[in-house]
C-alpha atoms as a PDB file:
ATOM      1  CA  UNK A   1       0.109  -0.221   0.068  1.00  0.00           C
ATOM      2  CA  UNK A   2       1.302   3.676  -0.703  1.00  0.00           C
ATOM      3  CA  UNK A   3       2.666   5.263   2.343  1.00  0.00           C
ATOM      4  CA  UNK A   4       3.318   9.282   1.919  1.00  0.00           C
ATOM      5  CA  UNK A   5       5.497   8.998   4.779  1.00  0.00           C
ATOM      6  CA  UNK A   6       8.148   7.134   2.538  1.00  0.00           C
ATOM      7  CA  UNK A   7       7.803   9.440  -0.669  1.00  0.00           C
ATOM      8  CA  UNK A   8      11.236  11.451  -0.074  1.00  0.00           C
ATOM      9  CA  UNK A   9      13.879  11.767  -2.356  1.00  0.00           C
ATOM     10  CA  UNK A  10      16.141   9.466  -0.089  1.00  0.00           C
ATOM     11  CA  UNK A  11      13.228   7.036  -0.167  1.00  0.00           C
ATOM     12  CA  UNK A  12      13.137   6.885  -3.899  1.00  0.00           C
ATOM     13  CA  UNK A  13      17.128   6.617  -4.186  1.00  0.00           C
ATOM     14  CA  UNK A  14      16.993   3.703  -1.405  1.00  0.00           C
ATOM     15  CA  UNK A  15      14.396   1.810  -3.803  1.00  0.00           C
ATOM     16  CA  UNK A  16      16.589   2.424  -6.914  1.00  0.00           C
ATOM     17  CA  UNK A  17      19.508   0.766  -4.874  1.00  0.00           C
ATOM     18  CA  UNK A  18      17.323  -2.242  -4.003  1.00  0.00           C
ATOM     19  CA  UNK A  19      15.872  -2.634  -7.470  1.00  0.00           C
ATOM     20  CA  UNK A  20      19.306  -2.108  -9.358  1.00  0.00           C
ATOM     21  CA  UNK A  21      20.757  -4.833  -7.127  1.00  0.00           C
ATOM     22  CA  UNK A  22      18.606  -7.445  -8.453  1.00  0.00           C
ATOM     23  CA  UNK A  23      20.012 -10.130 -10.441  1.00  0.00           C
ATOM     24  CA  UNK A  24      16.462  -9.768 -12.889  1.00  0.00           C
ATOM     25  CA  UNK A  25      16.488  -5.898 -12.693  1.00  0.00           C
ATOM     26  CA  UNK A  26      15.256  -4.623 -16.341  1.00  0.00           C
ATOM     27  CA  UNK A  27      14.891  -0.945 -16.056  1.00  0.00           C
ATOM     28  CA  UNK A  28      13.887   2.207 -13.900  1.00  0.00           C
ATOM     29  CA  UNK A  29      12.380   5.271 -14.918  1.00  0.00           C
ATOM     30  CA  UNK A  30      10.390   8.227 -13.627  1.00  0.00           C
ATOM     31  CA  UNK A  31       6.846   9.280 -15.175  1.00  0.00           C
ATOM     32  CA  UNK A  32       5.441  12.470 -14.331  1.00  0.00           C
ATOM     33  CA  UNK A  33       1.356  12.678 -14.121  1.00  0.00           C
ATOM     34  CA  UNK A  34       1.774  16.221 -15.020  1.00  0.00           C
ATOM     35  CA  UNK A  35       3.702  18.194 -17.356  1.00  0.00           C
ATOM     36  CA  UNK A  36       6.869  19.295 -15.899  1.00  0.00           C
ATOM     37  CA  UNK A  37       7.198  22.924 -14.758  1.00  0.00           C
ATOM     38  CA  UNK A  38       6.593  25.126 -11.774  1.00  0.00           C
ATOM     39  CA  UNK A  39       8.340  22.612  -9.978  1.00  0.00           C
ATOM     40  CA  UNK A  40       6.004  20.008 -10.311  1.00  0.00           C
ATOM     41  CA  UNK A  41       8.970  17.365 -10.917  1.00  0.00           C
ATOM     42  CA  UNK A  42       9.953  18.249  -7.145  1.00  0.00           C
ATOM     43  CA  UNK A  43       6.676  17.260  -5.867  1.00  0.00           C
ATOM     44  CA  UNK A  44       6.920  13.346  -5.239  1.00  0.00           C
ATOM     45  CA  UNK A  45       3.091  13.044  -5.211  1.00  0.00           C
ATOM     46  CA  UNK A  46       3.276  14.023  -9.089  1.00  0.00           C
ATOM     47  CA  UNK A  47       5.539  11.047 -10.147  1.00  0.00           C
ATOM     48  CA  UNK A  48       5.439   7.399 -10.638  1.00  0.00           C
ATOM     49  CA  UNK A  49       8.356   5.180 -10.142  1.00  0.00           C
ATOM     50  CA  UNK A  50       8.401   2.349 -12.799  1.00  0.00           C
ATOM     51  CA  UNK A  51      10.629  -0.588 -12.220  1.00  0.00           C
ATOM     52  CA  UNK A  52      10.978  -3.518 -14.551  1.00  0.00           C
ATOM     53  CA  UNK A  53      12.226  -7.064 -13.699  1.00  0.00           C
ATOM     54  CA  UNK A  54      12.256 -10.250 -15.747  1.00  0.00           C
ATOM     55  CA  UNK A  55      11.137 -12.471 -12.799  1.00  0.00           C
ATOM     56  CA  UNK A  56       9.001 -12.365  -9.653  1.00  0.00           C
ATOM     57  CA  UNK A  57       7.185  -9.311  -9.828  1.00  0.00           C
ATOM     58  CA  UNK A  58       5.048  -9.863  -6.949  1.00  0.00           C
ATOM     59  CA  UNK A  59       8.066 -10.483  -4.586  1.00  0.00           C
ATOM     60  CA  UNK A  60       9.933  -7.215  -6.242  1.00  0.00           C
ATOM     61  CA  UNK A  61       6.839  -4.946  -5.385  1.00  0.00           C
ATOM     62  CA  UNK A  62       6.804  -5.947  -1.929  1.00  0.00           C
ATOM     63  CA  UNK A  63      10.547  -5.148  -1.545  1.00  0.00           C
ATOM     64  CA  UNK A  64      10.237  -1.766  -3.048  1.00  0.00           C
ATOM     65  CA  UNK A  65       7.263  -0.916  -1.170  1.00  0.00           C
ATOM     66  CA  UNK A  66       9.059  -1.124   2.064  1.00  0.00           C
ATOM     67  CA  UNK A  67      11.445   1.742   0.828  1.00  0.00           C
ATOM     68  CA  UNK A  68       9.216   3.645  -1.366  1.00  0.00           C
ATOM     69  CA  UNK A  69       5.574   4.933  -0.597  1.00  0.00           C
ATOM     70  CA  UNK A  70       4.992   6.638  -3.504  1.00  0.00           C
ATOM     71  CA  UNK A  71       3.141   5.735  -7.065  1.00  0.00           C
ATOM     72  CA  UNK A  72       4.755   2.639  -8.119  1.00  0.00           C
ATOM     73  CA  UNK A  73       4.527   0.502 -11.317  1.00  0.00           C
ATOM     74  CA  UNK A  74       6.585  -2.734 -11.447  1.00  0.00           C
ATOM     75  CA  UNK A  75       6.319  -4.313 -14.697  1.00  0.00           C
ATOM     76  CA  UNK A  76       7.985  -7.212 -16.682  1.00  0.00           C
ATOM     77  CA  UNK A  77      10.682  -6.700 -19.544  1.00  0.00           C
ATOM     78  CA  UNK A  78      12.196  -9.471 -21.592  1.00  0.00           C
ATOM     79  CA  UNK A  79      15.837  -8.673 -21.112  1.00  0.00           C
ATOM     80  CA  UNK A  80      17.866  -7.789 -17.982  1.00  0.00           C
ATOM     81  CA  UNK A  81      19.859  -4.614 -17.901  1.00  0.00           C
ATOM     82  CA  UNK A  82      22.980  -6.974 -17.425  1.00  0.00           C
ATOM     83  CA  UNK A  83      21.969  -8.748 -20.895  1.00  0.00           C
ATOM     84  CA  UNK A  84      21.630  -5.458 -22.462  1.00  0.00           C
ATOM     85  CA  UNK A  85      24.833  -4.172 -21.093  1.00  0.00           C
ATOM     86  CA  UNK A  86      26.431  -7.283 -22.604  1.00  0.00           C
ATOM     87  CA  UNK A  87      24.952  -7.211 -25.885  1.00  0.00           C
ATOM     88  CA  UNK A  88      25.743  -3.304 -25.956  1.00  0.00           C
ATOM     89  CA  UNK A  89      29.511  -4.431 -25.243  1.00  0.00           C
ATOM     90  CA  UNK A  90      29.632  -7.227 -27.685  1.00  0.00           C
ATOM     91  CA  UNK A  91      28.319  -4.887 -30.576  1.00  0.00           C
ATOM     92  CA  UNK A  92      30.698  -2.242 -29.692  1.00  0.00           C
ATOM     93  CA  UNK A  93      33.537  -5.156 -29.564  1.00  0.00           C
ATOM     94  CA  UNK A  94      34.430  -8.320 -31.468  1.00  0.00           C
ATOM     95  CA  UNK A  95      30.764  -9.330 -32.409  1.00  0.00           C
ATOM     96  CA  UNK A  96      30.561  -5.523 -34.073  1.00  0.00           C
ATOM     97  CA  UNK A  97      33.779  -5.866 -35.823  1.00  0.00           C
ATOM     98  CA  UNK A  98      32.734  -9.410 -37.223  1.00  0.00           C
ATOM     99  CA  UNK A  99      29.686  -7.940 -38.573  1.00  0.00           C
ATOM    100  CA  UNK A 100      31.494  -5.234 -39.971  1.00  0.00           C
ATOM    101  CA  UNK A 101      29.499  -2.346 -37.819  1.00  0.00           C
ATOM    102  CA  UNK A 102      31.160   0.782 -37.775  1.00  0.00           C
ATOM    103  CA  UNK A 103      29.393   1.987 -34.390  1.00  0.00           C
ATOM    104  CA  UNK A 104      28.606   5.675 -34.020  1.00  0.00           C
ATOM    105  CA  UNK A 105      26.958   5.281 -30.741  1.00  0.00           C
ATOM    106  CA  UNK A 106      25.285   3.014 -28.351  1.00  0.00           C
ATOM    107  CA  UNK A 107      22.669   3.586 -25.487  1.00  0.00           C
ATOM    108  CA  UNK A 108      20.081   1.833 -23.485  1.00  0.00           C
ATOM    109  CA  UNK A 109      16.618   2.444 -23.063  1.00  0.00           C
ATOM    110  CA  UNK A 110      15.111   1.311 -19.552  1.00  0.00           C
ATOM    111  CA  UNK A 111      11.700   1.822 -20.597  1.00  0.00           C
ATOM    112  CA  UNK A 112      11.634   0.349 -24.044  1.00  0.00           C
ATOM    113  CA  UNK A 113      14.370  -2.516 -22.845  1.00  0.00           C
ATOM    114  CA  UNK A 114      16.339  -2.300 -25.852  1.00  0.00           C
ATOM    115  CA  UNK A 115      19.967  -1.493 -26.826  1.00  0.00           C
ATOM    116  CA  UNK A 116      20.154   1.453 -29.290  1.00  0.00           C
ATOM    117  CA  UNK A 117      22.695   0.869 -31.870  1.00  0.00           C
ATOM    118  CA  UNK A 118      23.863   3.880 -34.267  1.00  0.00           C
ATOM    119  CA  UNK A 119      26.074   2.678 -37.008  1.00  0.00           C
ATOM    120  CA  UNK A 120      27.445   4.525 -40.219  1.00  0.00           C
ATOM    121  CA  UNK A 121      25.601   2.178 -42.604  1.00  0.00           C
ATOM    122  CA  UNK A 122      23.688  -1.203 -42.250  1.00  0.00           C
ATOM    123  CA  UNK A 123      22.117  -3.758 -44.722  1.00  0.00           C
ATOM    124  CA  UNK A 124      19.168  -5.997 -44.233  1.00  0.00           C
ATOM    125  CA  UNK A 125      21.677  -8.859 -43.783  1.00  0.00           C
ATOM    126  CA  UNK A 126      23.545  -7.351 -40.952  1.00  0.00           C
ATOM    127  CA  UNK A 127      20.035  -6.489 -39.306  1.00  0.00           C
ATOM    128  CA  UNK A 128      18.876  -9.974 -39.871  1.00  0.00           C
ATOM    129  CA  UNK A 129      22.177 -11.554 -38.332  1.00  0.00           C
ATOM    130  CA  UNK A 130      21.673  -8.956 -35.448  1.00  0.00           C
ATOM    131  CA  UNK A 131      18.145 -10.146 -34.587  1.00  0.00           C
ATOM    132  CA  UNK A 132      19.125 -14.046 -34.997  1.00  0.00           C
ATOM    133  CA  UNK A 133      22.000 -13.338 -32.609  1.00  0.00           C
ATOM    134  CA  UNK A 134      19.958 -11.374 -29.576  1.00  0.00           C
ATOM    135  CA  UNK A 135      16.488 -11.805 -30.328  1.00  0.00           C
ATOM    136  CA  UNK A 136      13.806  -9.773 -32.317  1.00  0.00           C
ATOM    137  CA  UNK A 137      13.513  -6.493 -30.491  1.00  0.00           C
ATOM    138  CA  UNK A 138      16.509  -6.473 -28.587  1.00  0.00           C
ATOM    139  CA  UNK A 139      18.775  -4.025 -30.407  1.00  0.00           C
ATOM    140  CA  UNK A 140      17.343  -1.144 -32.583  1.00  0.00           C
ATOM    141  CA  UNK A 141      19.507  -0.293 -35.052  1.00  0.00           C
ATOM    142  CA  UNK A 142      19.673   2.755 -36.964  1.00  0.00           C
ATOM    143  CA  UNK A 143      22.095   3.853 -39.708  1.00  0.00           C
ATOM    144  CA  UNK A 144      23.384   7.345 -40.244  1.00  0.00           C
ATOM    145  CA  UNK A 145      24.093   6.733 -44.145  1.00  0.00           C
ATOM    146  CA  UNK A 146      22.004   5.027 -46.616  1.00  0.00           C
ATOM    147  CA  UNK A 147      23.470   2.649 -49.016  1.00  0.00           C
ATOM    148  CA  UNK A 148      23.679   3.724 -52.655  1.00  0.00           C
ATOM    149  CA  UNK A 149      22.433   1.401 -55.335  1.00  0.00           C
ATOM    150  CA  UNK A 150      24.049   1.271 -58.299  1.00  0.00           C
ATOM    151  CA  UNK A 151      21.955   1.267 -61.625  1.00  0.00           C
ATOM    152  CA  UNK A 152      22.394  -1.720 -63.463  1.00  0.00           C
ATOM    153  CA  UNK A 153      23.978  -1.021 -66.924  1.00  0.00           C
END
């Protein structure tokens, strides 16, 4: 049950630490019920702490409720943050080189549970190889440049 006495900034940070320490932790983000501005973001009553896991949501919600008394949404995601970090490292390293990727940047999206991969150029065969290796939807690949096709002559 919500407990306004446990809705301080310190309480939300306590919940963050507990969530991130779980082996099945999959993401954490804040949502605001009203547009930010006029110090709305500083009112803990206006935010929702969203925490994602791949495992036992009921247990996690109970653990988080002991620390955070504000609005809470505990949800399931497909990949743990550890998995996404591993995928990110592989694509920036040996796997990316093997696939011929020229990586410009990478990031992780907690709420979308995906590795964002920006590369110089990518073809459909490489996109398919990434999907085959990591599963559909684990990596969102965008290219800075588009391949140019030569006209048959």
